[in-house]
């Protein structure tokens, strides 16, 4: 748009407001006179006129338009505002139902009722007060801005709305056709997009509604003000979608469905497990992009490439949170290579895992391994060792190492023991939900308690329990082999894992109990540089026969003790903390271990 066209458009809106202001002044002086609509239609020959568009889109009658101009007089200019304020029935410089009745006759009262078009459509509002006749009538901010050609959502809705960017999608045409069909039906069905990914739902829906001349906004009901009930929210949305020419994308949650049931304009729900709605629902086939070969992050990278989200790691974490929250525990990766103390052989295995991931496209695609078989191409590993030896820390390091943009991939811990169910088929269903969500998110999966499902199997199947246990294990192995992402299984009982399963993992890494030299290194790593402390005997601390996880717990407890005493961390604080930690473990603290603490 050129500068000349922009000025012309602004001048056109100003001219329309001037006409409406003069019309309001004429009404106040002598009652109903020449209708305003023909004047606006003449002006529209020069280009779109916001006031005329509002009148046509909402179907305002001549009486409705007269009432609207009277109530909007303070927004139409200094002279209309002054003329209205001078009227004896005006209050606070604004119109009242009594004033409108005197100017426009008895028909004005019913046209201002809560169920009439002007108030039901939220074009005007009656401010709280005693008695209807003396209540103050006003034009909401969103409507006032629309009059000058700058429509925006209502301030109460704005925090919960975000614009959606369109991107090419194979289902956009089908969705656009479904929207057109829905418009012709009464009541119009709610269209449902079967996807757990709000980013892709937004890109698809925005592409579809763009072909209908509309924009798309995503609503998050949880961000609406607490005092805004679903009925009021829907009322404001119904007005704003007309003013801003916008379609709505809403999550299929209970709150979202309550609002969607009341919307009159184009509305789409997204989600895999939608709540029931009063209006009929038309579902689009499950929305799922075909992943690009060689990367579980391909769909996220495709969205990133279109400019939907500038921060790729943030997009991946958002997708993971959408599908995995409630199924697994989120871990924020913080550990780095320098934090992990392991023998050289184990460190080399971990670095090799990371290298496999980095060189995956070259080996699998360029060198043709993917064309040979699609199974077993992901990064799967078994970490075994006592509690606290660094298995989770190693997973954090991999999540950071494999993120190209300096952040970290989403990391989720799954308790395999909690996934198992006594009900037939439930365990497989739980496992399937985890992998489906992770595949959409490109998340790193960390399965704890691997022995719960990878325990050695008896060659004899004695009952249905054995048969279903074997079936669950086979299903998990199948998903692990076909998973294109990063999956790590941990176990404290390496001997309990069936040897037949070990070949399914890309790597099996043992995390041994640290020796004295390694424990001394761990102690040096866990004490922050900013911690005020006296001389610390790391050789003495290394005599405590505990793993790295317990060392961190002792160090933190000692820091709390030092802070409470108002002094610097010393060996006495560490001794007290060690005694407390050993009491939790139910094991005695020998004098040999305490040698050097005093």
Protein backbone atom coordinates (compact mmCIF):
# COMPACT_ATOMS: atom_id res chain seq x y z
CA UNK A 1 0.00 0.00 0.00
CA UNK A 2 1.38 3.42 -0.96
CA UNK A 3 1.49 6.41 1.36
CA UNK A 4 -1.17 8.16 -0.76
CA UNK A 5 -3.51 5.18 -0.48
CA UNK A 6 -2.97 4.97 3.28
CA UNK A 7 -3.83 8.66 3.71
CA UNK A 8 -6.87 8.24 1.49
CA UNK A 9 -8.07 5.32 3.60
CA UNK A 10 -7.59 7.26 6.84
CA UNK A 11 -9.35 10.28 5.37
CA UNK A 12 -12.21 8.07 4.23
CA UNK A 13 -12.74 6.70 7.76
CA UNK A 14 -12.53 10.22 9.19
CA UNK A 15 -15.15 11.41 6.67
CA UNK A 16 -17.45 8.54 7.70
CA UNK A 17 -17.11 9.48 11.37
CA UNK A 18 -17.81 13.11 10.49
CA UNK A 19 -21.02 12.07 8.73
CA UNK A 20 -22.02 9.92 11.70
CA UNK A 21 -21.25 12.77 14.09
CA UNK A 22 -23.39 15.23 12.14
CA UNK A 23 -26.13 12.62 12.07
CA UNK A 24 -25.97 12.25 15.85
CA UNK A 25 -26.12 16.05 16.29
CA UNK A 26 -29.11 16.26 13.96
CA UNK A 27 -30.88 13.56 15.95
CA UNK A 28 -30.26 15.44 19.20
CA UNK A 29 -31.55 18.73 17.71
CA UNK A 30 -34.66 17.63 15.86
CA UNK A 31 -35.10 13.85 16.09
CA UNK A 32 -34.99 11.37 13.20
CA UNK A 33 -34.13 13.04 9.91
CA UNK A 34 -32.31 11.95 6.76
CA UNK A 35 -31.04 8.38 6.99
CA UNK A 36 -27.27 7.93 7.34
CA UNK A 37 -26.94 4.71 5.36
CA UNK A 38 -27.24 6.24 1.83
CA UNK A 39 -24.52 8.80 2.69
CA UNK A 40 -22.17 6.02 3.81
CA UNK A 41 -22.92 4.04 0.66
CA UNK A 42 -21.97 7.01 -1.51
CA UNK A 43 -18.71 7.34 0.43
CA UNK A 44 -17.97 3.63 0.00
CA UNK A 45 -17.63 4.17 -3.73
CA UNK A 46 -14.16 5.52 -2.91
CA UNK A 47 -13.21 2.44 -0.91
CA UNK A 48 -14.15 0.40 2.18
CA UNK A 49 -15.85 2.32 4.99
CA UNK A 50 -15.58 0.73 8.44
CA UNK A 51 -18.91 2.04 9.79
CA UNK A 52 -20.80 0.82 6.72
CA UNK A 53 -19.10 -2.59 6.98
CA UNK A 54 -20.14 -2.86 10.64
CA UNK A 55 -23.72 -1.93 9.77
CA UNK A 56 -23.89 -4.51 6.96
CA UNK A 57 -22.07 -7.36 8.72
CA UNK A 58 -24.22 -7.07 11.85
CA UNK A 59 -27.41 -6.37 9.91
CA UNK A 60 -28.19 -3.08 11.68
CA UNK A 61 -31.56 -1.54 10.93
CA UNK A 62 -32.02 2.23 10.45
CA UNK A 63 -33.11 2.48 14.11
CA UNK A 64 -30.09 0.45 15.26
CA UNK A 65 -27.76 2.73 13.30
CA UNK A 66 -29.38 5.86 14.79
CA UNK A 67 -28.96 4.45 18.30
CA UNK A 68 -25.40 3.48 17.58
CA UNK A 69 -24.54 7.01 16.39
CA UNK A 70 -26.08 8.58 19.49
CA UNK A 71 -24.20 6.25 21.83
CA UNK A 72 -20.95 6.61 19.85
CA UNK A 73 -21.15 10.42 19.73
CA UNK A 74 -18.22 10.89 22.20
CA UNK A 75 -16.06 8.87 19.76
CA UNK A 76 -17.17 10.86 16.68
CA UNK A 77 -15.65 14.27 17.38
CA UNK A 78 -15.62 17.24 19.71
CA UNK A 79 -18.88 18.78 18.46
CA UNK A 80 -21.00 15.58 18.68
CA UNK A 81 -19.53 14.88 22.13
CA UNK A 82 -20.40 18.39 23.33
CA UNK A 83 -23.93 18.22 21.88
CA UNK A 84 -24.57 14.94 23.66
CA UNK A 85 -23.15 16.16 26.98
CA UNK A 86 -25.45 19.22 26.82
CA UNK A 87 -28.60 17.10 26.65
CA UNK A 88 -30.50 17.13 29.98
CA UNK A 89 -30.88 13.33 30.02
CA UNK A 90 -27.20 12.61 29.35
CA UNK A 91 -25.07 11.25 32.20
CA UNK A 92 -21.31 11.79 32.43
CA UNK A 93 -21.39 13.09 28.87
CA UNK A 94 -22.90 9.87 27.51
CA UNK A 95 -26.26 8.65 26.28
CA UNK A 96 -28.82 6.86 28.44
CA UNK A 97 -31.87 4.75 27.48
CA UNK A 98 -34.06 7.67 28.62
CA UNK A 99 -32.22 10.06 26.26
CA UNK A 100 -32.49 7.59 23.36
CA UNK A 101 -36.22 7.16 24.01
CA UNK A 102 -36.84 10.89 24.00
CA UNK A 103 -34.88 11.39 20.76
CA UNK A 104 -35.98 8.29 18.81
CA UNK A 105 -39.30 7.35 20.36
CA UNK A 106 -40.65 4.34 22.24
CA UNK A 107 -39.03 1.83 19.85
CA UNK A 108 -35.62 2.74 21.24
CA UNK A 109 -36.22 0.91 24.54
CA UNK A 110 -36.69 -2.60 23.13
CA UNK A 111 -33.78 -2.03 20.70
CA UNK A 112 -31.52 -1.47 23.71
CA UNK A 113 -32.54 -4.57 25.66
CA UNK A 114 -29.90 -7.16 26.57
CA UNK A 115 -31.21 -9.57 23.93
CA UNK A 116 -31.48 -7.00 21.13
CA UNK A 117 -28.87 -6.82 18.37
CA UNK A 118 -26.79 -3.88 19.60
CA UNK A 119 -26.12 -5.29 23.08
CA UNK A 120 -26.27 -8.95 22.18
CA UNK A 121 -23.68 -8.27 19.50
CA UNK A 122 -21.58 -6.31 22.06
CA UNK A 123 -21.54 -3.22 19.81
CA UNK A 124 -22.75 -1.11 22.74
CA UNK A 125 -22.78 -1.80 26.45
CA UNK A 126 -24.89 -0.59 29.36
CA UNK A 127 -22.61 0.24 32.26
CA UNK A 128 -23.66 -0.97 35.74
CA UNK A 129 -26.16 1.26 37.52
CA UNK A 130 -29.54 1.45 39.23
CA UNK A 131 -32.57 1.39 36.98
CA UNK A 132 -32.43 0.84 33.25
CA UNK A 133 -33.48 4.30 32.04
CA UNK A 134 -30.52 6.08 33.68
CA UNK A 135 -27.79 3.59 32.91
CA UNK A 136 -24.86 4.95 30.94
CA UNK A 137 -24.51 3.60 27.39
CA UNK A 138 -21.08 3.35 25.78
CA UNK A 139 -19.23 1.93 22.79
CA UNK A 140 -16.57 -0.66 23.79
CA UNK A 141 -12.94 0.10 22.98
CA UNK A 142 -12.71 -2.64 20.34
CA UNK A 143 -15.68 -1.17 18.46
CA UNK A 144 -14.34 2.39 18.71
CA UNK A 145 -11.04 1.29 17.17
CA UNK A 146 -12.87 -0.61 14.43
CA UNK A 147 -14.66 2.64 13.49
CA UNK A 148 -11.33 4.27 12.56
CA UNK A 149 -10.30 1.24 10.52
CA UNK A 150 -7.98 -0.31 13.14
CA UNK A 151 -9.90 -3.32 14.50
CA UNK A 152 -8.28 -5.23 17.37
CA UNK A 153 -9.60 -7.86 19.80
CA UNK A 154 -11.24 -6.80 23.03
CA UNK A 155 -8.69 -6.05 25.79
CA UNK A 156 -10.22 -8.82 27.92
CA UNK A 157 -9.54 -11.36 25.16
CA UNK A 158 -6.19 -10.10 23.88
CA UNK A 159 -3.95 -11.96 26.42
CA UNK A 160 -5.54 -15.27 25.40
CA UNK A 161 -5.29 -14.74 21.64
CA UNK A 162 -2.31 -15.20 19.36
CA UNK A 163 -2.16 -14.91 15.55
CA UNK A 164 -1.48 -18.03 13.50
CA UNK A 165 0.80 -17.96 10.47
CA UNK A 166 -0.23 -19.88 7.38
CA UNK A 167 2.00 -22.55 5.85
CA UNK A 168 1.42 -24.91 2.91
CA UNK A 169 -0.28 -28.10 4.05
CA UNK A 170 -1.68 -31.04 2.07
CA UNK A 171 -5.00 -30.88 3.94
CA UNK A 172 -5.59 -27.14 3.60
CA UNK A 173 -7.84 -27.52 0.55
CA UNK A 174 -10.04 -30.13 2.23
CA UNK A 175 -10.36 -27.95 5.30
CA UNK A 176 -11.30 -24.87 3.28
CA UNK A 177 -14.01 -26.88 1.51
CA UNK A 178 -15.28 -28.18 4.85
CA UNK A 179 -15.48 -24.62 6.18
CA UNK A 180 -17.56 -23.52 3.19
CA UNK A 181 -19.93 -26.45 3.65
CA UNK A 182 -20.22 -25.73 7.37
CA UNK A 183 -21.24 -22.12 6.67
CA UNK A 184 -24.22 -23.33 4.65
CA UNK A 185 -25.56 -25.56 7.43
CA UNK A 186 -27.78 -24.56 10.35
CA UNK A 187 -26.52 -25.03 12.96
CA UNK A 188 -23.04 -24.89 11.51
CA UNK A 189 -20.99 -27.86 12.72
CA UNK A 190 -17.79 -27.32 14.65
CA UNK A 191 -14.82 -28.53 12.65
CA UNK A 192 -12.39 -30.69 14.60
CA UNK A 193 -8.71 -31.15 13.71
CA UNK A 194 -7.44 -34.43 15.16
CA UNK A 195 -3.94 -33.43 16.21
CA UNK A 196 -2.01 -32.89 19.43
CA UNK A 197 0.18 -30.25 17.79
CA UNK A 198 -1.20 -26.68 18.09
CA UNK A 199 1.54 -25.30 15.83
CA UNK A 200 0.63 -27.54 12.91
CA UNK A 201 -3.10 -27.08 13.57
CA UNK A 202 -2.58 -23.32 13.40
CA UNK A 203 -0.52 -23.47 10.21
CA UNK A 204 -3.07 -25.74 8.50
CA UNK A 205 -6.13 -23.77 9.62
CA UNK A 206 -4.54 -20.41 8.77
CA UNK A 207 -3.75 -21.65 5.27
CA UNK A 208 -7.34 -22.88 4.84
CA UNK A 209 -9.10 -19.72 6.08
CA UNK A 210 -6.74 -17.46 4.12
CA UNK A 211 -8.40 -18.80 0.98
CA UNK A 212 -11.70 -17.53 2.39
CA UNK A 213 -10.31 -14.05 3.01
CA UNK A 214 -9.94 -14.53 6.78
CA UNK A 215 -7.16 -14.45 9.34
CA UNK A 216 -6.78 -17.05 12.09
CA UNK A 217 -6.26 -16.53 15.80
CA UNK A 218 -5.60 -19.23 18.41
CA UNK A 219 -7.46 -18.92 21.70
CA UNK A 220 -6.06 -20.31 24.96
CA UNK A 221 -9.04 -20.38 27.38
CA UNK A 222 -6.77 -20.80 30.42
CA UNK A 223 -5.39 -17.29 29.82
CA UNK A 224 -8.79 -15.57 29.88
CA UNK A 225 -9.57 -13.44 32.96
CA UNK A 226 -11.08 -15.49 35.77
CA UNK A 227 -14.15 -13.26 35.96
CA UNK A 228 -14.90 -13.74 32.26
CA UNK A 229 -17.31 -16.67 31.96
CA UNK A 230 -17.54 -18.74 28.73
CA UNK A 231 -20.82 -17.12 27.66
CA UNK A 232 -19.40 -13.60 27.89
CA UNK A 233 -16.15 -14.65 26.26
CA UNK A 234 -18.09 -16.15 23.34
CA UNK A 235 -20.16 -12.98 23.04
CA UNK A 236 -17.05 -10.84 22.70
CA UNK A 237 -15.46 -13.32 20.31
CA UNK A 238 -18.58 -13.37 18.12
CA UNK A 239 -18.30 -9.60 17.77
CA UNK A 240 -14.53 -9.50 17.28
CA UNK A 241 -14.42 -12.21 14.60
CA UNK A 242 -16.77 -10.02 12.56
CA UNK A 243 -14.88 -6.79 13.23
CA UNK A 244 -11.45 -8.29 12.54
CA UNK A 245 -12.47 -10.87 9.89
CA UNK A 246 -10.91 -13.67 11.91
CA UNK A 247 -11.59 -17.37 12.41
CA UNK A 248 -10.93 -19.03 15.78
CA UNK A 249 -8.77 -22.05 16.62
CA UNK A 250 -9.60 -23.42 20.09
CA UNK A 251 -8.25 -26.41 22.06
CA UNK A 252 -10.79 -29.21 22.54
CA UNK A 253 -10.70 -28.88 26.33
CA UNK A 254 -13.87 -28.60 28.46
CA UNK A 255 -13.44 -24.80 28.63
CA UNK A 256 -12.68 -24.56 24.92
CA UNK A 257 -15.73 -26.60 23.94
CA UNK A 258 -18.03 -24.46 26.11
CA UNK A 259 -16.89 -21.39 24.20
CA UNK A 260 -16.92 -23.08 20.79
CA UNK A 261 -20.55 -24.16 21.26
CA UNK A 262 -21.55 -20.49 21.47
CA UNK A 263 -19.52 -19.16 18.53
CA UNK A 264 -21.36 -18.18 15.37
CA UNK A 265 -18.37 -17.49 13.15
CA UNK A 266 -15.81 -19.92 11.70
CA UNK A 267 -14.52 -22.08 14.55
CA UNK A 268 -12.11 -25.01 14.66
CA UNK A 269 -11.21 -27.27 17.56
CA UNK A 270 -7.89 -29.10 17.82
CA UNK A 271 -6.95 -32.04 20.02
CA UNK A 272 -6.78 -35.82 20.08
CA UNK A 273 -9.34 -36.38 22.86
CA UNK A 274 -12.02 -33.74 22.40
CA UNK A 275 -14.76 -33.12 24.94
CA UNK A 276 -18.41 -33.46 23.81
CA UNK A 277 -20.09 -30.43 22.27
CA UNK A 278 -23.74 -29.47 21.95
CA UNK A 279 -23.41 -28.56 18.28
CA UNK A 280 -22.64 -31.27 15.73
CA UNK A 281 -18.99 -31.84 14.96
CA UNK A 282 -17.34 -32.59 11.65
CA UNK A 283 -13.89 -34.14 11.94
CA UNK A 284 -11.08 -33.78 9.49
CA UNK A 285 -8.83 -36.81 9.02
CA UNK A 286 -6.04 -36.97 11.64
CA UNK A 287 -3.59 -34.19 10.96
CA UNK A 288 -0.07 -35.58 10.69
CA UNK A 289 2.68 -34.41 8.42
CA UNK A 290 4.92 -37.02 6.82
CA UNK A 291 8.29 -36.68 8.59
CA UNK A 292 11.32 -35.93 6.52
CA UNK A 293 13.75 -38.88 6.39
CA UNK A 294 16.57 -39.00 8.85
CA UNK A 295 15.33 -36.81 11.69
CA UNK A 296 12.64 -37.06 14.32
CA UNK A 297 12.71 -33.25 14.39
CA UNK A 298 11.83 -32.95 10.70
CA UNK A 299 8.31 -31.62 11.16
CA UNK A 300 9.54 -29.09 13.71
CA UNK A 301 12.33 -28.01 11.38
CA UNK A 302 9.84 -27.65 8.53
CA UNK A 303 7.73 -25.30 10.66
CA UNK A 304 10.88 -23.47 11.69
CA UNK A 305 11.86 -23.01 8.05
CA UNK A 306 8.54 -21.35 7.22
CA UNK A 307 9.13 -18.78 9.95
CA UNK A 308 6.30 -19.94 12.21
CA UNK A 309 8.60 -20.05 15.22
CA UNK A 310 12.05 -18.46 15.12
CA UNK A 311 13.41 -20.53 18.02
CA UNK A 312 13.60 -24.18 16.96
CA UNK A 313 14.51 -25.60 20.41
CA UNK A 314 11.60 -23.66 21.92
CA UNK A 315 9.27 -25.11 19.29
CA UNK A 316 10.45 -28.65 20.02
CA UNK A 317 10.01 -28.18 23.76
CA UNK A 318 6.53 -26.73 23.22
CA UNK A 319 5.49 -29.72 21.13
CA UNK A 320 6.90 -32.12 23.69
CA UNK A 321 5.06 -30.39 26.49
CA UNK A 322 1.78 -30.58 24.58
CA UNK A 323 1.89 -34.33 24.03
CA UNK A 324 3.92 -35.61 26.97
CA UNK A 325 2.79 -33.56 29.96
CA UNK A 326 0.86 -35.86 32.25
CA UNK A 327 2.49 -38.95 30.74
CA UNK A 328 6.07 -38.33 31.82
CA UNK A 329 8.19 -36.08 34.03
CA UNK A 330 9.90 -33.13 32.39
CA UNK A 331 13.63 -32.73 33.11
CA UNK A 332 15.41 -29.46 32.33
CA UNK A 333 18.82 -30.52 30.93
CA UNK A 334 21.60 -28.64 32.71
CA UNK A 335 24.52 -31.07 32.98
CA UNK A 336 27.60 -30.75 30.78
CA UNK A 337 30.47 -33.07 29.98
CA UNK A 338 32.63 -31.53 32.72
CA UNK A 339 30.00 -32.45 35.33
CA UNK A 340 30.12 -36.17 34.57
CA UNK A 341 32.80 -38.31 36.22
CA UNK A 342 33.12 -41.75 34.60
CA UNK A 343 35.92 -44.09 33.56
CA UNK A 344 37.39 -43.24 30.12
CA UNK A 345 35.77 -46.24 28.42
CA UNK A 346 32.24 -45.20 29.42
CA UNK A 347 32.86 -41.58 28.47
CA UNK A 348 34.06 -42.73 25.07
CA UNK A 349 30.84 -44.76 24.58
CA UNK A 350 28.69 -41.73 25.41
CA UNK A 351 30.60 -39.50 23.01
CA UNK A 352 30.23 -42.15 20.34
CA UNK A 353 26.45 -42.12 20.86
CA UNK A 354 26.41 -38.37 20.27
CA UNK A 355 28.59 -38.82 17.18
CA UNK A 356 26.16 -41.42 15.79
CA UNK A 357 23.37 -38.87 16.02
CA UNK A 358 25.33 -36.07 14.41
CA UNK A 359 26.42 -38.24 11.48
CA UNK A 360 23.03 -39.95 11.09
CA UNK A 361 21.95 -38.23 7.82
CA UNK A 362 25.28 -39.03 6.16
CA UNK A 363 25.43 -42.67 7.19
CA UNK A 364 21.73 -43.52 6.91
CA UNK A 365 20.74 -41.52 3.85
CA UNK A 366 23.85 -40.67 1.84
CA UNK A 367 25.39 -44.12 2.37
CA UNK A 368 22.08 -45.96 1.89
CA UNK A 369 21.48 -47.77 5.22
CA UNK A 370 17.96 -46.38 5.55
CA UNK A 371 17.01 -47.83 2.17
CA UNK A 372 18.03 -51.27 3.43
CA UNK A 373 15.82 -51.19 6.56
CA UNK A 374 13.83 -48.62 8.50
CA UNK A 375 14.20 -50.49 11.81
CA UNK A 376 16.81 -49.90 14.45
CA UNK A 377 17.90 -46.55 13.04
CA UNK A 378 17.19 -44.52 16.17
CA UNK A 379 19.55 -43.88 19.03
CA UNK A 380 18.66 -46.38 21.78
CA UNK A 381 20.85 -47.16 24.76
CA UNK A 382 20.73 -49.08 28.03
CA UNK A 383 22.36 -47.36 31.01
CA UNK A 384 22.93 -49.70 33.95
CA UNK A 385 24.40 -49.07 37.36
CA UNK A 386 23.62 -48.22 40.98
CA UNK A 387 21.45 -45.23 41.84
CA UNK A 388 23.30 -41.93 41.68
CA UNK A 389 26.07 -43.00 39.30
CA UNK A 390 25.17 -40.45 36.59
CA UNK A 391 22.69 -42.19 34.29
CA UNK A 392 20.20 -39.31 34.25
CA UNK A 393 23.03 -36.78 34.02
CA UNK A 394 24.35 -38.57 30.93
CA UNK A 395 20.89 -38.31 29.34
CA UNK A 396 20.86 -34.57 30.08
CA UNK A 397 24.26 -34.19 28.44
CA UNK A 398 23.07 -35.98 25.30
CA UNK A 399 19.97 -33.77 25.16
CA UNK A 400 22.20 -30.69 25.21
CA UNK A 401 24.88 -32.12 22.93
CA UNK A 402 22.40 -33.03 20.18
CA UNK A 403 20.63 -29.67 20.00
CA UNK A 404 22.10 -27.71 17.10
CA UNK A 405 21.08 -24.26 18.34
CA UNK A 406 22.91 -24.28 21.66
CA UNK A 407 19.87 -25.10 23.78
CA UNK A 408 18.62 -28.54 24.70
CA UNK A 409 16.17 -31.06 23.30
CA UNK A 410 13.14 -31.77 25.46
CA UNK A 411 13.94 -34.56 27.93
CA UNK A 412 11.21 -36.61 29.59
CA UNK A 413 11.60 -39.32 32.20
CA UNK A 414 9.15 -42.22 31.98
CA UNK A 415 8.71 -44.65 34.89
CA UNK A 416 8.23 -48.03 33.22
CA UNK A 417 6.96 -49.53 36.47
CA UNK A 418 4.17 -46.93 36.52
CA UNK A 419 3.22 -47.71 32.91
CA UNK A 420 2.55 -51.39 33.58
CA UNK A 421 -1.08 -52.24 34.25
CA UNK A 422 -2.84 -55.37 35.36
CA UNK A 423 -5.50 -54.78 32.72
CA UNK A 424 -4.99 -56.47 29.37
CA UNK A 425 -3.82 -54.07 26.70
CA UNK A 426 -3.47 -51.06 28.98
CA UNK A 427 0.33 -51.27 29.23
CA UNK A 428 0.70 -51.33 25.45
CA UNK A 429 -1.71 -48.40 25.17
CA UNK A 430 0.34 -46.40 27.69
CA UNK A 431 3.59 -47.19 25.88
CA UNK A 432 2.03 -46.27 22.53
CA UNK A 433 0.85 -42.89 23.80
CA UNK A 434 4.35 -42.08 25.06
CA UNK A 435 6.05 -42.91 21.75
CA UNK A 436 3.37 -41.21 19.62
CA UNK A 437 3.74 -37.97 21.58
CA UNK A 438 7.55 -38.18 21.54
CA UNK A 439 7.66 -38.76 17.78
CA UNK A 440 5.62 -35.61 17.22
CA UNK A 441 7.86 -33.67 19.59
CA UNK A 442 11.35 -34.94 18.81
CA UNK A 443 11.88 -35.50 22.53
CA UNK A 444 14.54 -37.55 24.31
CA UNK A 445 12.87 -40.36 26.27
CA UNK A 446 14.46 -41.66 29.45
CA UNK A 447 12.82 -44.87 30.68
CA UNK A 448 13.50 -45.60 34.35
CA UNK A 449 13.18 -48.98 36.03
CA UNK A 450 13.96 -50.91 32.86
CA UNK A 451 14.02 -54.19 34.75
CA UNK A 452 10.27 -53.79 35.34
CA UNK A 453 9.58 -54.83 31.75
CA UNK A 454 12.90 -56.22 30.47
CA UNK A 455 13.26 -58.86 33.19
CA UNK A 456 14.38 -62.32 32.17
CA UNK A 457 11.50 -64.33 30.76
CA UNK A 458 10.69 -67.90 31.55
CA UNK A 459 10.81 -70.10 28.44
CA UNK A 460 7.51 -71.62 29.58
CA UNK A 461 4.32 -69.64 29.31
CA UNK A 462 2.28 -70.95 32.22
CA UNK A 463 -0.69 -68.61 32.20
CA UNK A 464 -2.25 -65.56 30.55
CA UNK A 465 -0.19 -63.26 32.79
CA UNK A 466 3.06 -64.62 31.34
CA UNK A 467 1.68 -64.37 27.82
CA UNK A 468 0.63 -60.73 28.22
CA UNK A 469 3.88 -59.81 29.98
CA UNK A 470 5.82 -61.18 27.02
CA UNK A 471 3.51 -59.33 24.65
CA UNK A 472 4.10 -56.02 26.47
CA UNK A 473 7.87 -56.50 26.36
CA UNK A 474 7.75 -57.33 22.65
CA UNK A 475 5.66 -54.25 21.97
CA UNK A 476 8.09 -51.98 23.81
CA UNK A 477 11.01 -53.47 21.89
CA UNK A 478 9.13 -52.97 18.63
CA UNK A 479 8.50 -49.30 19.42
CA UNK A 480 12.11 -48.82 20.48
CA UNK A 481 13.37 -50.31 17.22
CA UNK A 482 11.05 -48.21 15.06
CA UNK A 483 11.53 -45.01 17.06
CA UNK A 484 13.53 -42.51 15.04
CA UNK A 485 14.43 -40.42 18.06
CA UNK A 486 16.57 -40.84 21.15
CA UNK A 487 15.44 -43.38 23.76
CA UNK A 488 17.45 -44.36 26.83
CA UNK A 489 16.50 -47.14 29.26
CA UNK A 490 18.06 -47.18 32.72
CA UNK A 491 18.25 -49.98 35.25
CA UNK A 492 19.81 -50.48 38.67
CA UNK A 493 19.78 -54.26 38.15
CA UNK A 494 21.81 -55.10 35.06
CA UNK A 495 21.68 -58.82 35.88
CA UNK A 496 17.87 -58.76 35.82
CA UNK A 497 17.73 -57.72 32.14
CA UNK A 498 17.30 -60.56 29.66
CA UNK A 499 20.43 -60.91 27.52
CA UNK A 500 18.23 -61.42 24.46
CA UNK A 501 17.18 -57.78 24.70
CA UNK A 502 20.67 -56.32 24.75
CA UNK A 503 21.26 -56.60 21.00
CA UNK A 504 18.28 -54.31 20.42
CA UNK A 505 20.17 -51.37 21.94
CA UNK A 506 22.70 -49.31 20.02
CA UNK A 507 24.82 -49.12 23.17
CA UNK A 508 24.87 -50.75 26.60
CA UNK A 509 26.83 -48.62 29.05
CA UNK A 510 27.62 -49.65 32.62
CA UNK A 511 27.88 -46.84 35.16
CA UNK A 512 30.12 -48.29 37.87
CA UNK A 513 30.25 -47.33 41.53
CA UNK A 514 32.89 -44.57 41.64
CA UNK A 515 36.23 -45.33 43.25
CA UNK A 516 37.96 -42.97 45.68
CA UNK A 517 39.73 -40.98 42.95
CA UNK A 518 36.51 -40.51 41.02
CA UNK A 519 34.62 -39.52 44.18
CA UNK A 520 37.21 -36.82 44.86
CA UNK A 521 36.62 -35.43 41.35
CA UNK A 522 32.86 -35.50 41.88
CA UNK A 523 33.24 -33.58 45.15
CA UNK A 524 35.27 -30.92 43.38
CA UNK A 525 32.67 -30.69 40.61
CA UNK A 526 29.58 -30.36 42.84
CA UNK A 527 30.83 -27.50 45.04
CA UNK A 528 30.13 -24.24 43.15
CA UNK A 529 32.88 -21.64 42.83
CA UNK A 530 30.66 -18.99 44.42
CA UNK A 531 30.22 -21.05 47.60
CA UNK A 532 32.12 -19.42 50.52
CA UNK A 533 34.16 -22.15 52.16
CA UNK A 534 37.11 -22.97 54.32
CA UNK A 535 39.81 -25.43 53.30
CA UNK A 536 38.14 -28.62 52.07
CA UNK A 537 39.91 -31.99 52.28
CA UNK A 538 38.66 -33.71 49.14
CA UNK A 539 40.68 -36.85 49.87
CA UNK A 540 38.84 -37.16 53.19
CA UNK A 541 35.48 -36.60 51.50
CA UNK A 542 36.36 -39.27 48.95
CA UNK A 543 36.45 -41.86 51.76
CA UNK A 544 32.65 -41.63 51.96
CA UNK A 545 31.52 -44.70 50.00
CA UNK A 546 28.60 -43.08 48.15
CA UNK A 547 27.74 -42.38 44.52
CA UNK A 548 27.62 -39.00 42.81
CA UNK A 549 23.92 -38.50 43.46
CA UNK A 550 24.40 -38.87 47.20
CA UNK A 551 27.51 -36.66 47.07
CA UNK A 552 25.38 -33.87 45.59
CA UNK A 553 22.76 -34.34 48.30
CA UNK A 554 25.41 -34.16 51.06
CA UNK A 555 26.96 -31.04 49.52
CA UNK A 556 23.63 -29.25 49.28
CA UNK A 557 22.61 -30.18 52.84
CA UNK A 558 25.98 -28.95 54.11
CA UNK A 559 25.47 -25.65 52.27
CA UNK A 560 22.11 -25.19 54.01
CA UNK A 561 23.77 -25.87 57.35
CA UNK A 562 26.50 -23.33 56.60
CA UNK A 563 23.95 -20.72 55.59
CA UNK A 564 21.97 -21.32 58.79
CA UNK A 565 25.09 -20.88 60.92
CA UNK A 566 25.94 -17.68 59.08
CA UNK A 567 29.45 -18.83 58.29
CA UNK A 568 31.49 -20.48 55.59
CA UNK A 569 31.17 -24.10 54.53
CA UNK A 570 33.55 -26.29 56.48
CA UNK A 571 34.30 -29.95 57.09
CA UNK A 572 32.08 -29.89 60.20
CA UNK A 573 29.05 -28.99 58.07
CA UNK A 574 29.93 -31.75 55.63
CA UNK A 575 30.22 -34.28 58.46
CA UNK A 576 26.77 -33.39 59.81
CA UNK A 577 25.30 -33.57 56.32
CA UNK A 578 26.96 -36.95 55.70
CA UNK A 579 25.52 -38.34 58.94
CA UNK A 580 22.03 -37.18 57.90
CA UNK A 581 22.37 -38.74 54.46
CA UNK A 582 23.62 -42.03 55.89
CA UNK A 583 20.65 -42.08 58.29
CA UNK A 584 18.33 -41.81 55.30
CA UNK A 585 20.13 -44.74 53.72
CA UNK A 586 19.86 -46.74 56.91
CA UNK A 587 23.59 -47.50 56.96
CA UNK A 588 26.24 -46.70 59.62
CA UNK A 589 28.93 -44.10 59.06
CA UNK A 590 32.22 -45.68 60.09
CA UNK A 591 35.09 -43.89 61.79
CA UNK A 592 37.36 -44.89 58.90
CA UNK A 593 35.13 -42.93 56.53
CA UNK A 594 35.24 -39.91 58.84
CA UNK A 595 39.01 -39.86 59.07
CA UNK A 596 40.22 -36.41 58.07
CA UNK A 597 36.91 -34.62 58.79
CA UNK A 598 38.16 -33.27 62.16
